Amino acid sequence: MKITRQTVAQKLTAYLYHQITLEELVNWAETAMMDGDFEDRGFELIREVVSRLGLADVRAFGISWKDCEDYLSQLGYIVKLTVTENRLAA
């Protein structure tokens, strides 16, 4: 499977929306680094972001909201956050 900017953005977005766990994100990134076929356009950037994601479960590296926002920005995406009140919790 060709790994593109969009592929990486989708994985990061899934992580931010709690659709995948940190462990799943890291496993995907590690597999991508070993077996992935990276898109030629933006190869260095895509590979760099994926390699950082592969280290996100290491305490010294980790991954923060700001990291995700920065990675997505580097990949050409804008992060918009919406917060709504949970009326059931009040």
Foldseek 3Di string as FASTA:
>chain_A
DEDELVNLLVLLVCPVVVVDDLVVQLVVLVCCLVPNHYDPVCRVLSNVLSVLSVCQVPPVRHADPVNSQVSNVVSPDHDDDDDDDDVVVD
